[in-house]
PDB file of N, CA and C in Angstrom:
ATOM      1  N   UNK A   1      55.689 149.558 108.235  1.00  0.00           N
ATOM      2  CA  UNK A   1      56.663 148.501 108.403  1.00  0.00           C
ATOM      3  C   UNK A   1      56.968 148.221 109.884  1.00  0.00           C
ATOM      4  N   UNK A   2      57.091 149.312 110.683  1.00  0.00           N
ATOM      5  CA  UNK A   2      57.381 149.113 112.083  1.00  0.00           C
ATOM      6  C   UNK A   2      56.269 148.408 112.796  1.00  0.00           C
ATOM      7  N   UNK A   3      55.068 148.790 112.462  1.00  0.00           N
ATOM      8  CA  UNK A   3      53.911 148.139 113.100  1.00  0.00           C
ATOM      9  C   UNK A   3      53.841 146.610 112.769  1.00  0.00           C
ATOM     10  N   UNK A   4      54.220 146.296 111.533  1.00  0.00           N
ATOM     11  CA  UNK A   4      54.268 144.862 111.167  1.00  0.00           C
ATOM     12  C   UNK A   4      55.362 144.136 112.003  1.00  0.00           C
ATOM     13  N   UNK A   5      56.505 144.736 112.125  1.00  0.00           N
ATOM     14  CA  UNK A   5      57.564 144.123 112.917  1.00  0.00           C
ATOM     15  C   UNK A   5      57.155 143.921 114.345  1.00  0.00           C
ATOM     16  N   UNK A   6      56.458 144.867 114.919  1.00  0.00           N
ATOM     17  CA  UNK A   6      55.945 144.768 116.287  1.00  0.00           C
ATOM     18  C   UNK A   6      54.935 143.661 116.402  1.00  0.00           C
ATOM     19  N   UNK A   7      54.019 143.522 115.455  1.00  0.00           N
ATOM     20  CA  UNK A   7      53.052 142.443 115.448  1.00  0.00           C
ATOM     21  C   UNK A   7      53.736 141.101 115.340  1.00  0.00           C
ATOM     22  N   UNK A   8      54.739 140.980 114.462  1.00  0.00           N
ATOM     23  CA  UNK A   8      55.451 139.759 114.327  1.00  0.00           C
ATOM     24  C   UNK A   8      56.197 139.411 115.611  1.00  0.00           C
ATOM     25  N   UNK A   9      56.807 140.395 116.221  1.00  0.00           N
ATOM     26  CA  UNK A   9      57.574 140.149 117.415  1.00  0.00           C
ATOM     27  C   UNK A   9      56.657 139.716 118.587  1.00  0.00           C
ATOM     28  N   UNK A  10      55.462 140.306 118.676  1.00  0.00           N
ATOM     29  CA  UNK A  10      54.547 139.902 119.695  1.00  0.00           C
ATOM     30  C   UNK A  10      54.157 138.431 119.553  1.00  0.00           C
ATOM     31  N   UNK A  11      53.845 138.046 118.340  1.00  0.00           N
ATOM     32  CA  UNK A  11      53.427 136.644 118.080  1.00  0.00           C
ATOM     33  C   UNK A  11      54.581 135.677 118.286  1.00  0.00           C
ATOM     34  N   UNK A  12      55.759 136.056 117.801  1.00  0.00           N
ATOM     35  CA  UNK A  12      56.936 135.163 117.971  1.00  0.00           C
ATOM     36  C   UNK A  12      57.321 135.083 119.446  1.00  0.00           C
ATOM     37  N   UNK A  13      57.112 136.149 120.197  1.00  0.00           N
ATOM     38  CA  UNK A  13      57.455 136.092 121.593  1.00  0.00           C
ATOM     39  C   UNK A  13      56.709 134.991 122.311  1.00  0.00           C
ATOM     40  N   UNK A  14      55.427 134.849 121.993  1.00  0.00           N
ATOM     41  CA  UNK A  14      54.623 133.757 122.622  1.00  0.00           C
ATOM     42  C   UNK A  14      55.218 132.384 122.238  1.00  0.00           C
ATOM     43  N   UNK A  15      55.662 132.242 121.031  1.00  0.00           N
ATOM     44  CA  UNK A  15      56.315 131.039 120.622  1.00  0.00           C
ATOM     45  C   UNK A  15      57.599 130.793 121.426  1.00  0.00           C
ATOM     46  N   UNK A  16      58.344 131.898 121.626  1.00  0.00           N
ATOM     47  CA  UNK A  16      59.607 131.839 122.360  1.00  0.00           C
ATOM     48  C   UNK A  16      59.380 131.439 123.807  1.00  0.00           C
ATOM     49  N   UNK A  17      58.407 131.997 124.503  1.00  0.00           N
ATOM     50  CA  UNK A  17      58.231 131.701 125.949  1.00  0.00           C
ATOM     51  C   UNK A  17      57.479 130.372 126.178  1.00  0.00           C
ATOM     52  N   UNK A  18      56.601 129.961 125.266  1.00  0.00           N
ATOM     53  CA  UNK A  18      55.846 128.766 125.471  1.00  0.00           C
ATOM     54  C   UNK A  18      56.634 127.506 125.323  1.00  0.00           C
ATOM     55  N   UNK A  19      57.630 127.537 124.417  1.00  0.00           N
ATOM     56  CA  UNK A  19      58.495 126.368 124.205  1.00  0.00           C
ATOM     57  C   UNK A  19      57.799 125.193 123.546  1.00  0.00           C
ATOM     58  N   UNK A  20      56.533 125.306 123.241  1.00  0.00           N
ATOM     59  CA  UNK A  20      55.834 124.185 122.620  1.00  0.00           C
ATOM     60  C   UNK A  20      55.520 124.535 121.155  1.00  0.00           C
ATOM     61  N   UNK A  21      54.991 123.591 120.463  1.00  0.00           N
ATOM     62  CA  UNK A  21      54.633 123.822 119.055  1.00  0.00           C
ATOM     63  C   UNK A  21      53.362 124.652 118.966  1.00  0.00           C
ATOM     64  N   UNK A  22      53.328 125.476 117.970  1.00  0.00           N
ATOM     65  CA  UNK A  22      52.158 126.344 117.763  1.00  0.00           C
ATOM     66  C   UNK A  22      52.059 126.644 116.258  1.00  0.00           C
ATOM     67  N   UNK A  23      50.848 126.975 115.847  1.00  0.00           N
ATOM     68  CA  UNK A  23      50.663 127.458 114.468  1.00  0.00           C
ATOM     69  C   UNK A  23      50.717 128.994 114.504  1.00  0.00           C
ATOM     70  N   UNK A  24      51.429 129.570 113.599  1.00  0.00           N
ATOM     71  CA  UNK A  24      51.540 131.016 113.527  1.00  0.00           C
ATOM     72  C   UNK A  24      50.459 131.587 112.584  1.00  0.00           C
ATOM     73  N   UNK A  25      50.154 132.853 112.753  1.00  0.00           N
ATOM     74  CA  UNK A  25      49.067 133.487 111.987  1.00  0.00           C
ATOM     75  C   UNK A  25      49.555 133.792 110.574  1.00  0.00           C
ATOM     76  N   UNK A  26      48.692 134.500 109.864  1.00  0.00           N
ATOM     77  CA  UNK A  26      48.985 134.905 108.466  1.00  0.00           C
ATOM     78  C   UNK A  26      50.132 135.897 108.371  1.00  0.00           C
ATOM     79  N   UNK A  27      50.663 136.381 109.499  1.00  0.00           N
ATOM     80  CA  UNK A  27      51.863 137.244 109.468  1.00  0.00           C
ATOM     81  C   UNK A  27      53.041 136.446 108.958  1.00  0.00           C
ATOM     82  N   UNK A  28      52.942 135.139 108.956  1.00  0.00           N
ATOM     83  CA  UNK A  28      54.004 134.238 108.573  1.00  0.00           C
ATOM     84  C   UNK A  28      53.571 133.211 107.510  1.00  0.00           C
ATOM     85  N   UNK A  29      53.277 133.706 106.300  1.00  0.00           N
ATOM     86  CA  UNK A  29      52.748 132.821 105.268  1.00  0.00           C
ATOM     87  C   UNK A  29      53.615 131.652 104.913  1.00  0.00           C
ATOM     88  N   UNK A  30      54.923 131.784 105.072  1.00  0.00           N
ATOM     89  CA  UNK A  30      55.843 130.705 104.677  1.00  0.00           C
ATOM     90  C   UNK A  30      55.708 129.466 105.580  1.00  0.00           C
ATOM     91  N   UNK A  31      55.118 129.642 106.725  1.00  0.00           N
ATOM     92  CA  UNK A  31      54.955 128.475 107.599  1.00  0.00           C
ATOM     93  C   UNK A  31      53.491 128.222 107.890  1.00  0.00           C
ATOM     94  N   UNK A  32      52.643 128.758 107.066  1.00  0.00           N
ATOM     95  CA  UNK A  32      51.188 128.611 107.263  1.00  0.00           C
ATOM     96  C   UNK A  32      50.801 127.181 107.350  1.00  0.00           C
ATOM     97  N   UNK A  33      50.056 126.847 108.402  1.00  0.00           N
ATOM     98  CA  UNK A  33      49.582 125.512 108.619  1.00  0.00           C
ATOM     99  C   UNK A  33      50.534 124.544 109.277  1.00  0.00           C
ATOM    100  N   UNK A  34      51.777 124.992 109.470  1.00  0.00           N
ATOM    101  CA  UNK A  34      52.723 124.110 110.125  1.00  0.00           C
ATOM    102  C   UNK A  34      52.791 124.402 111.630  1.00  0.00           C
ATOM    103  N   UNK A  35      52.982 123.356 112.405  1.00  0.00           N
ATOM    104  CA  UNK A  35      53.218 123.581 113.823  1.00  0.00           C
ATOM    105  C   UNK A  35      54.721 123.741 114.016  1.00  0.00           C
ATOM    106  N   UNK A  36      55.124 124.857 114.577  1.00  0.00           N
ATOM    107  CA  UNK A  36      56.541 125.102 114.760  1.00  0.00           C
ATOM    108  C   UNK A  36      56.840 125.472 116.198  1.00  0.00           C
ATOM    109  N   UNK A  37      58.040 125.282 116.578  1.00  0.00           N
ATOM    110  CA  UNK A  37      58.612 125.735 117.871  1.00  0.00           C
ATOM    111  C   UNK A  37      59.463 126.963 117.529  1.00  0.00           C
ATOM    112  N   UNK A  38      59.908 127.636 118.582  1.00  0.00           N
ATOM    113  CA  UNK A  38      60.829 128.795 118.350  1.00  0.00           C
ATOM    114  C   UNK A  38      62.056 128.306 117.609  1.00  0.00           C
ATOM    115  N   UNK A  39      62.661 127.204 118.009  1.00  0.00           N
ATOM    116  CA  UNK A  39      63.844 126.725 117.347  1.00  0.00           C
ATOM    117  C   UNK A  39      63.584 126.265 115.923  1.00  0.00           C
ATOM    118  N   UNK A  40      62.529 125.529 115.697  1.00  0.00           N
ATOM    119  CA  UNK A  40      62.246 125.052 114.368  1.00  0.00           C
ATOM    120  C   UNK A  40      61.910 126.182 113.392  1.00  0.00           C
ATOM    121  N   UNK A  41      61.241 127.209 113.910  1.00  0.00           N
ATOM    122  CA  UNK A  41      60.939 128.387 113.096  1.00  0.00           C
ATOM    123  C   UNK A  41      62.220 129.086 112.662  1.00  0.00           C
ATOM    124  N   UNK A  42      63.108 129.244 113.611  1.00  0.00           N
ATOM    125  CA  UNK A  42      64.401 129.919 113.283  1.00  0.00           C
ATOM    126  C   UNK A  42      65.238 129.093 112.283  1.00  0.00           C
ATOM    127  N   UNK A  43      65.240 127.787 112.432  1.00  0.00           N
ATOM    128  CA  UNK A  43      65.924 126.940 111.506  1.00  0.00           C
ATOM    129  C   UNK A  43      65.274 126.991 110.083  1.00  0.00           C
ATOM    130  N   UNK A  44      63.954 126.958 110.061  1.00  0.00           N
ATOM    131  CA  UNK A  44      63.278 126.977 108.781  1.00  0.00           C
ATOM    132  C   UNK A  44      63.549 128.287 108.033  1.00  0.00           C
ATOM    133  N   UNK A  45      63.446 129.402 108.676  1.00  0.00           N
ATOM    134  CA  UNK A  45      63.628 130.661 107.928  1.00  0.00           C
ATOM    135  C   UNK A  45      65.090 130.852 107.542  1.00  0.00           C
ATOM    136  N   UNK A  46      66.020 130.373 108.401  1.00  0.00           N
ATOM    137  CA  UNK A  46      67.427 130.458 108.029  1.00  0.00           C
ATOM    138  C   UNK A  46      67.764 129.565 106.825  1.00  0.00           C
ATOM    139  N   UNK A  47      67.243 128.319 106.846  1.00  0.00           N
ATOM    140  CA  UNK A  47      67.544 127.362 105.776  1.00  0.00           C
ATOM    141  C   UNK A  47      66.846 127.716 104.483  1.00  0.00           C
ATOM    142  N   UNK A  48      65.652 128.344 104.576  1.00  0.00           N
ATOM    143  CA  UNK A  48      64.913 128.672 103.375  1.00  0.00           C
ATOM    144  C   UNK A  48      65.316 129.993 102.781  1.00  0.00           C
ATOM    145  N   UNK A  49      66.096 130.796 103.487  1.00  0.00           N
ATOM    146  CA  UNK A  49      66.538 132.109 102.952  1.00  0.00           C
ATOM    147  C   UNK A  49      65.514 133.218 103.081  1.00  0.00           C
ATOM    148  N   UNK A  50      64.501 133.016 103.864  1.00  0.00           N
ATOM    149  CA  UNK A  50      63.459 134.039 104.026  1.00  0.00           C
ATOM    150  C   UNK A  50      63.639 134.810 105.349  1.00  0.00           C
ATOM    151  N   UNK A  51      64.713 134.583 105.995  1.00  0.00           N
ATOM    152  CA  UNK A  51      64.935 135.195 107.312  1.00  0.00           C
ATOM    153  C   UNK A  51      64.905 136.717 107.338  1.00  0.00           C
ATOM    154  N   UNK A  52      65.293 137.309 106.249  1.00  0.00           N
ATOM    155  CA  UNK A  52      65.335 138.773 106.234  1.00  0.00           C
ATOM    156  C   UNK A  52      63.991 139.422 106.555  1.00  0.00           C
ATOM    157  N   UNK A  53      62.920 138.740 106.243  1.00  0.00           N
ATOM    158  CA  UNK A  53      61.590 139.223 106.540  1.00  0.00           C
ATOM    159  C   UNK A  53      61.296 139.249 108.066  1.00  0.00           C
ATOM    160  N   UNK A  54      61.995 138.394 108.801  1.00  0.00           N
ATOM    161  CA  UNK A  54      61.642 138.211 110.219  1.00  0.00           C
ATOM    162  C   UNK A  54      62.778 138.499 111.154  1.00  0.00           C
ATOM    163  N   UNK A  55      63.966 138.741 110.651  1.00  0.00           N
ATOM    164  CA  UNK A  55      65.129 138.994 111.547  1.00  0.00           C
ATOM    165  C   UNK A  55      64.933 140.200 112.485  1.00  0.00           C
ATOM    166  N   UNK A  56      64.311 141.280 112.071  1.00  0.00           N
ATOM    167  CA  UNK A  56      64.097 142.371 113.031  1.00  0.00           C
ATOM    168  C   UNK A  56      63.275 141.935 114.260  1.00  0.00           C
ATOM    169  N   UNK A  57      62.215 141.153 114.042  1.00  0.00           N
ATOM    170  CA  UNK A  57      61.379 140.708 115.162  1.00  0.00           C
ATOM    171  C   UNK A  57      62.132 139.675 115.986  1.00  0.00           C
ATOM    172  N   UNK A  58      62.860 138.804 115.336  1.00  0.00           N
ATOM    173  CA  UNK A  58      63.612 137.766 116.066  1.00  0.00           C
ATOM    174  C   UNK A  58      64.706 138.426 116.891  1.00  0.00           C
ATOM    175  N   UNK A  59      65.380 139.407 116.287  1.00  0.00           N
ATOM    176  CA  UNK A  59      66.489 140.054 117.052  1.00  0.00           C
ATOM    177  C   UNK A  59      65.983 140.788 118.255  1.00  0.00           C
ATOM    178  N   UNK A  60      64.782 141.414 118.167  1.00  0.00           N
ATOM    179  CA  UNK A  60      64.195 142.028 119.369  1.00  0.00           C
ATOM    180  C   UNK A  60      63.983 141.027 120.471  1.00  0.00           C
ATOM    181  N   UNK A  61      63.493 139.899 120.156  1.00  0.00           N
ATOM    182  CA  UNK A  61      63.234 138.865 121.174  1.00  0.00           C
ATOM    183  C   UNK A  61      64.551 138.338 121.744  1.00  0.00           C
ATOM    184  N   UNK A  62      65.545 138.115 120.910  1.00  0.00           N
ATOM    185  CA  UNK A  62      66.820 137.632 121.371  1.00  0.00           C
ATOM    186  C   UNK A  62      67.470 138.645 122.269  1.00  0.00           C
ATOM    187  N   UNK A  63      67.312 139.924 122.002  1.00  0.00           N
ATOM    188  CA  UNK A  63      67.951 140.962 122.783  1.00  0.00           C
ATOM    189  C   UNK A  63      67.230 141.151 124.152  1.00  0.00           C
ATOM    190  N   UNK A  64      65.907 141.243 124.103  1.00  0.00           N
ATOM    191  CA  UNK A  64      65.117 141.630 125.320  1.00  0.00           C
ATOM    192  C   UNK A  64      64.527 140.438 126.064  1.00  0.00           C
ATOM    193  N   UNK A  65      64.540 139.280 125.440  1.00  0.00           N
ATOM    194  CA  UNK A  65      64.048 138.004 126.099  1.00  0.00           C
ATOM    195  C   UNK A  65      62.735 138.278 126.871  1.00  0.00           C
ATOM    196  N   UNK A  66      62.676 138.074 128.156  1.00  0.00           N
ATOM    197  CA  UNK A  66      61.445 138.194 128.929  1.00  0.00           C
ATOM    198  C   UNK A  66      60.869 139.604 128.980  1.00  0.00           C
ATOM    199  N   UNK A  67      61.693 140.578 128.648  1.00  0.00           N
ATOM    200  CA  UNK A  67      61.270 142.006 128.681  1.00  0.00           C
ATOM    201  C   UNK A  67      60.700 142.463 127.323  1.00  0.00           C
ATOM    202  N   UNK A  68      60.628 141.583 126.368  1.00  0.00           N
ATOM    203  CA  UNK A  68      60.276 141.959 124.983  1.00  0.00           C
ATOM    204  C   UNK A  68      58.934 142.691 124.908  1.00  0.00           C
ATOM    205  N   UNK A  69      57.896 142.149 125.478  1.00  0.00           N
ATOM    206  CA  UNK A  69      56.578 142.805 125.357  1.00  0.00           C
ATOM    207  C   UNK A  69      56.552 144.143 126.025  1.00  0.00           C
ATOM    208  N   UNK A  70      57.221 144.244 127.138  1.00  0.00           N
ATOM    209  CA  UNK A  70      57.325 145.579 127.804  1.00  0.00           C
ATOM    210  C   UNK A  70      58.033 146.600 126.922  1.00  0.00           C
ATOM    211  N   UNK A  71      59.135 146.212 126.304  1.00  0.00           N
ATOM    212  CA  UNK A  71      59.869 147.103 125.441  1.00  0.00           C
ATOM    213  C   UNK A  71      59.060 147.445 124.176  1.00  0.00           C
ATOM    214  N   UNK A  72      58.310 146.503 123.642  1.00  0.00           N
ATOM    215  CA  UNK A  72      57.481 146.772 122.464  1.00  0.00           C
ATOM    216  C   UNK A  72      56.350 147.749 122.850  1.00  0.00           C
ATOM    217  N   UNK A  73      55.780 147.596 124.011  1.00  0.00           N
ATOM    218  CA  UNK A  73      54.751 148.507 124.468  1.00  0.00           C
ATOM    219  C   UNK A  73      55.281 149.923 124.625  1.00  0.00           C
ATOM    220  N   UNK A  74      56.430 150.060 125.203  1.00  0.00           N
ATOM    221  CA  UNK A  74      57.065 151.373 125.411  1.00  0.00           C
ATOM    222  C   UNK A  74      57.339 152.033 124.090  1.00  0.00           C
ATOM    223  N   UNK A  75      57.930 151.255 123.119  1.00  0.00           N
ATOM    224  CA  UNK A  75      58.232 151.765 121.807  1.00  0.00           C
ATOM    225  C   UNK A  75      56.937 152.271 121.134  1.00  0.00           C
ATOM    226  N   UNK A  76      55.900 151.438 121.213  1.00  0.00           N
ATOM    227  CA  UNK A  76      54.644 151.784 120.549  1.00  0.00           C
ATOM    228  C   UNK A  76      54.064 153.101 121.134  1.00  0.00           C
ATOM    229  N   UNK A  77      54.064 153.214 122.469  1.00  0.00           N
ATOM    230  CA  UNK A  77      53.473 154.342 123.143  1.00  0.00           C
ATOM    231  C   UNK A  77      54.301 155.614 122.884  1.00  0.00           C
ATOM    232  N   UNK A  78      55.622 155.479 123.003  1.00  0.00           N
ATOM    233  CA  UNK A  78      56.461 156.718 122.957  1.00  0.00           C
ATOM    234  C   UNK A  78      56.899 157.092 121.517  1.00  0.00           C
ATOM    235  N   UNK A  79      56.748 156.192 120.561  1.00  0.00           N
ATOM    236  CA  UNK A  79      57.169 156.532 119.224  1.00  0.00           C
ATOM    237  C   UNK A  79      56.015 156.440 118.234  1.00  0.00           C
ATOM    238  N   UNK A  80      55.419 155.256 118.115  1.00  0.00           N
ATOM    239  CA  UNK A  80      54.436 155.111 117.069  1.00  0.00           C
ATOM    240  C   UNK A  80      53.111 155.783 117.338  1.00  0.00           C
ATOM    241  N   UNK A  81      52.694 155.806 118.587  1.00  0.00           N
ATOM    242  CA  UNK A  81      51.352 156.363 118.904  1.00  0.00           C
ATOM    243  C   UNK A  81      51.355 157.863 119.180  1.00  0.00           C
ATOM    244  N   UNK A  82      52.557 158.454 119.302  1.00  0.00           N
ATOM    245  CA  UNK A  82      52.626 159.896 119.585  1.00  0.00           C
ATOM    246  C   UNK A  82      52.522 160.682 118.288  1.00  0.00           C
ATOM    247  N   UNK A  83      51.813 161.752 118.370  1.00  0.00           N
ATOM    248  CA  UNK A  83      51.752 162.684 117.198  1.00  0.00           C
ATOM    249  C   UNK A  83      52.255 163.998 117.692  1.00  0.00           C
ATOM    250  N   UNK A  84      53.565 164.169 117.603  1.00  0.00           N
ATOM    251  CA  UNK A  84      54.196 165.419 118.020  1.00  0.00           C
ATOM    252  C   UNK A  84      53.931 166.493 116.973  1.00  0.00           C
ATOM    253  N   UNK A  85      53.746 167.705 117.444  1.00  0.00           N
ATOM    254  CA  UNK A  85      53.681 168.812 116.486  1.00  0.00           C
ATOM    255  C   UNK A  85      55.132 169.339 116.350  1.00  0.00           C
ATOM    256  N   UNK A  86      55.297 170.219 115.383  1.00  0.00           N
ATOM    257  CA  UNK A  86      56.660 170.702 115.076  1.00  0.00           C
ATOM    258  C   UNK A  86      57.323 171.374 116.274  1.00  0.00           C
ATOM    259  N   UNK A  87      56.568 172.023 117.076  1.00  0.00           N
ATOM    260  CA  UNK A  87      57.122 172.790 118.240  1.00  0.00           C
ATOM    261  C   UNK A  87      57.619 171.851 119.305  1.00  0.00           C
ATOM    262  N   UNK A  88      57.085 170.624 119.424  1.00  0.00           N
ATOM    263  CA  UNK A  88      57.482 169.656 120.451  1.00  0.00           C
ATOM    264  C   UNK A  88      58.627 168.773 120.025  1.00  0.00           C
ATOM    265  N   UNK A  89      58.837 168.691 118.713  1.00  0.00           N
ATOM    266  CA  UNK A  89      59.802 167.718 118.178  1.00  0.00           C
ATOM    267  C   UNK A  89      61.248 168.220 118.301  1.00  0.00           C
ATOM    268  N   UNK A  90      62.171 167.294 118.640  1.00  0.00           N
ATOM    269  CA  UNK A  90      63.578 167.628 118.645  1.00  0.00           C
ATOM    270  C   UNK A  90      64.148 167.460 117.264  1.00  0.00           C
ATOM    271  N   UNK A  91      63.562 166.580 116.470  1.00  0.00           N
ATOM    272  CA  UNK A  91      64.067 166.306 115.082  1.00  0.00           C
ATOM    273  C   UNK A  91      62.797 166.181 114.213  1.00  0.00           C
ATOM    274  N   UNK A  92      62.893 166.726 113.001  1.00  0.00           N
ATOM    275  CA  UNK A  92      61.828 166.615 112.037  1.00  0.00           C
ATOM    276  C   UNK A  92      62.431 165.923 110.801  1.00  0.00           C
ATOM    277  N   UNK A  93      61.841 164.795 110.470  1.00  0.00           N
ATOM    278  CA  UNK A  93      62.263 164.064 109.260  1.00  0.00           C
ATOM    279  C   UNK A  93      61.337 164.448 108.106  1.00  0.00           C
ATOM    280  N   UNK A  94      61.960 164.724 106.994  1.00  0.00           N
ATOM    281  CA  UNK A  94      61.148 165.137 105.826  1.00  0.00           C
ATOM    282  C   UNK A  94      61.893 164.704 104.571  1.00  0.00           C
ATOM    283  N   UNK A  95      61.178 164.611 103.511  1.00  0.00           N
ATOM    284  CA  UNK A  95      61.828 164.311 102.240  1.00  0.00           C
ATOM    285  C   UNK A  95      62.368 165.594 101.657  1.00  0.00           C
ATOM    286  N   UNK A  96      63.400 165.518 100.891  1.00  0.00           N
ATOM    287  CA  UNK A  96      64.016 166.679 100.294  1.00  0.00           C
ATOM    288  C   UNK A  96      63.916 166.554  98.765  1.00  0.00           C
ATOM    289  N   UNK A  97      63.524 167.654  98.156  1.00  0.00           N
ATOM    290  CA  UNK A  97      63.449 167.656  96.711  1.00  0.00           C
ATOM    291  C   UNK A  97      64.373 168.747  96.214  1.00  0.00           C
ATOM    292  N   UNK A  98      64.097 169.372  95.127  1.00  0.00           N
ATOM    293  CA  UNK A  98      64.966 170.382  94.570  1.00  0.00           C
ATOM    294  C   UNK A  98      64.946 171.660  95.431  1.00  0.00           C
ATOM    295  N   UNK A  99      63.923 171.899  96.112  1.00  0.00           N
ATOM    296  CA  UNK A  99      63.837 173.141  96.920  1.00  0.00           C
ATOM    297  C   UNK A  99      64.612 172.999  98.188  1.00  0.00           C
ATOM    298  N   UNK A 100      65.150 174.124  98.727  1.00  0.00           N
ATOM    299  CA  UNK A 100      65.907 174.112  99.981  1.00  0.00           C
ATOM    300  C   UNK A 100      65.080 173.708 101.169  1.00  0.00           C
ATOM    301  N   UNK A 101      63.814 174.043 101.217  1.00  0.00           N
ATOM    302  CA  UNK A 101      63.035 173.844 102.376  1.00  0.00           C
ATOM    303  C   UNK A 101      62.944 175.124 103.116  1.00  0.00           C
ATOM    304  N   UNK A 102      62.461 176.175 102.488  1.00  0.00           N
ATOM    305  CA  UNK A 102      62.473 177.509 103.008  1.00  0.00           C
ATOM    306  C   UNK A 102      61.628 177.647 104.297  1.00  0.00           C
ATOM    307  N   UNK A 103      60.845 176.689 104.616  1.00  0.00           N
ATOM    308  CA  UNK A 103      60.025 176.779 105.858  1.00  0.00           C
ATOM    309  C   UNK A 103      60.854 176.578 107.111  1.00  0.00           C
ATOM    310  N   UNK A 104      62.115 176.091 106.970  1.00  0.00           N
ATOM    311  CA  UNK A 104      62.992 175.872 108.145  1.00  0.00           C
ATOM    312  C   UNK A 104      64.235 176.732 107.992  1.00  0.00           C
ATOM    313  N   UNK A 105      64.742 177.176 109.161  1.00  0.00           N
ATOM    314  CA  UNK A 105      65.986 177.960 109.172  1.00  0.00           C
ATOM    315  C   UNK A 105      67.219 177.126 108.787  1.00  0.00           C
ATOM    316  N   UNK A 106      67.219 175.886 109.161  1.00  0.00           N
ATOM    317  CA  UNK A 106      68.384 174.991 108.898  1.00  0.00           C
ATOM    318  C   UNK A 106      67.884 173.727 108.179  1.00  0.00           C
ATOM    319  N   UNK A 107      68.543 173.413 107.090  1.00  0.00           N
ATOM    320  CA  UNK A 107      68.264 172.178 106.413  1.00  0.00           C
ATOM    321  C   UNK A 107      69.574 171.439 106.189  1.00  0.00           C
ATOM    322  N   UNK A 108      69.658 170.200 106.660  1.00  0.00           N
ATOM    323  CA  UNK A 108      70.889 169.412 106.522  1.00  0.00           C
ATOM    324  C   UNK A 108      70.734 168.320 105.504  1.00  0.00           C
TER     325      UNK A 108
END
Protein backbone atom coordinates (compact mmCIF):
# COMPACT_ATOMS: atom_id res chain seq x y z
CA UNK A 1 0.00 0.00 0.00
CA UNK A 2 2.80 2.43 0.86
CA UNK A 3 4.56 1.80 -2.43
CA UNK A 4 1.31 2.52 -4.28
CA UNK A 5 0.90 5.82 -2.40
CA UNK A 6 4.48 6.78 -3.26
CA UNK A 7 3.88 5.99 -6.94
CA UNK A 8 0.69 8.02 -6.96
CA UNK A 9 2.41 10.93 -5.19
CA UNK A 10 5.27 10.93 -7.69
CA UNK A 11 2.89 11.10 -10.63
CA UNK A 12 0.61 13.68 -9.05
CA UNK A 13 3.63 15.79 -8.14
CA UNK A 14 4.41 16.25 -11.82
CA UNK A 15 0.82 17.36 -12.36
CA UNK A 16 1.22 19.76 -9.42
CA UNK A 17 4.42 21.42 -10.66
CA UNK A 18 3.62 21.50 -14.39
CA UNK A 19 0.37 23.38 -13.98
CA UNK A 20 -0.82 22.15 -17.36
CA UNK A 21 -3.21 19.44 -18.42
CA UNK A 22 -1.94 15.90 -18.50
CA UNK A 23 -3.26 12.36 -18.74
CA UNK A 24 -2.58 10.25 -15.68
CA UNK A 25 -1.52 6.61 -15.79
CA UNK A 26 -3.43 3.48 -14.83
CA UNK A 27 -2.75 4.35 -11.16
CA UNK A 28 -5.80 6.60 -11.52
CA UNK A 29 -8.47 4.56 -13.35
CA UNK A 30 -11.27 6.98 -12.43
CA UNK A 31 -9.79 9.65 -14.67
CA UNK A 32 -8.41 7.34 -17.35
CA UNK A 33 -8.24 9.08 -20.71
CA UNK A 34 -9.09 12.50 -19.32
CA UNK A 35 -6.72 15.45 -19.46
CA UNK A 36 -6.64 16.95 -15.98
CA UNK A 37 -4.82 19.69 -14.12
CA UNK A 38 -3.87 19.51 -10.46
CA UNK A 39 -6.93 21.59 -9.57
CA UNK A 40 -9.38 19.73 -11.80
CA UNK A 41 -8.13 16.37 -10.49
CA UNK A 42 -8.68 17.50 -6.91
CA UNK A 43 -12.17 18.79 -7.73
CA UNK A 44 -13.09 15.60 -9.58
CA UNK A 45 -12.07 13.23 -6.79
CA UNK A 46 -13.69 15.39 -4.13
CA UNK A 47 -16.98 15.71 -6.04
CA UNK A 48 -17.10 12.04 -7.06
CA UNK A 49 -16.39 10.74 -3.55
CA UNK A 50 -13.31 8.73 -4.54
CA UNK A 51 -10.85 11.01 -2.79
CA UNK A 52 -10.09 8.52 -0.04
CA UNK A 53 -8.04 6.52 -2.51
CA UNK A 54 -5.78 9.47 -3.27
CA UNK A 55 -5.84 11.72 -0.19
CA UNK A 56 -2.58 10.31 1.25
CA UNK A 57 -0.67 11.16 -1.95
CA UNK A 58 -2.37 14.55 -2.29
CA UNK A 59 -1.69 15.40 1.36
CA UNK A 60 2.02 14.61 0.91
CA UNK A 61 2.22 17.04 -2.00
CA UNK A 62 0.29 19.75 -0.17
CA UNK A 63 2.57 19.41 2.85
CA UNK A 64 5.97 19.19 1.15
CA UNK A 65 5.26 21.10 -2.09
CA UNK A 66 8.56 21.46 -3.99
CA UNK A 67 10.34 19.10 -1.60
CA UNK A 68 7.91 16.23 -2.21
CA UNK A 69 10.15 14.07 -4.41
CA UNK A 70 13.08 14.50 -2.06
CA UNK A 71 10.95 13.47 0.93
CA UNK A 72 9.54 10.47 -0.97
CA UNK A 73 13.07 9.34 -1.90
CA UNK A 74 14.23 9.62 1.72
CA UNK A 75 11.21 7.66 2.96
CA UNK A 76 11.73 4.96 0.38
CA UNK A 77 15.46 4.63 1.14
CA UNK A 78 15.21 4.80 4.93
CA UNK A 79 12.00 2.84 5.48
CA UNK A 80 10.79 0.78 2.53
CA UNK A 81 14.11 -0.35 1.06
CA UNK A 82 15.85 -1.19 4.34
CA UNK A 83 15.78 -4.71 5.62
CA UNK A 84 16.71 -4.42 9.26
CA UNK A 85 17.44 -7.54 11.21
CA UNK A 86 16.05 -7.94 14.72
CA UNK A 87 19.29 -6.80 16.38
CA UNK A 88 19.31 -3.47 14.47
CA UNK A 89 15.64 -2.61 14.95
CA UNK A 90 14.38 -0.27 17.66
CA UNK A 91 10.83 -1.59 17.23
CA UNK A 92 9.57 -4.92 15.89
CA UNK A 93 6.00 -5.09 14.59
CA UNK A 94 4.38 -8.46 14.61
CA UNK A 95 0.96 -9.99 14.64
CA UNK A 96 -0.27 -11.41 17.92
CA UNK A 97 -2.28 -14.55 18.26
CA UNK A 98 -3.19 -16.62 21.29
CA UNK A 99 0.43 -17.23 22.24
CA UNK A 100 2.38 -14.68 24.32
CA UNK A 101 5.28 -14.52 21.93
CA UNK A 102 7.82 -16.42 23.97
CA UNK A 103 10.63 -15.48 21.58
CA UNK A 104 10.70 -11.93 23.10
CA UNK A 105 11.23 -10.84 26.68
CA UNK A 106 8.58 -8.13 26.47
CA UNK A 107 5.34 -8.23 24.54
CA UNK A 108 2.97 -5.26 24.65
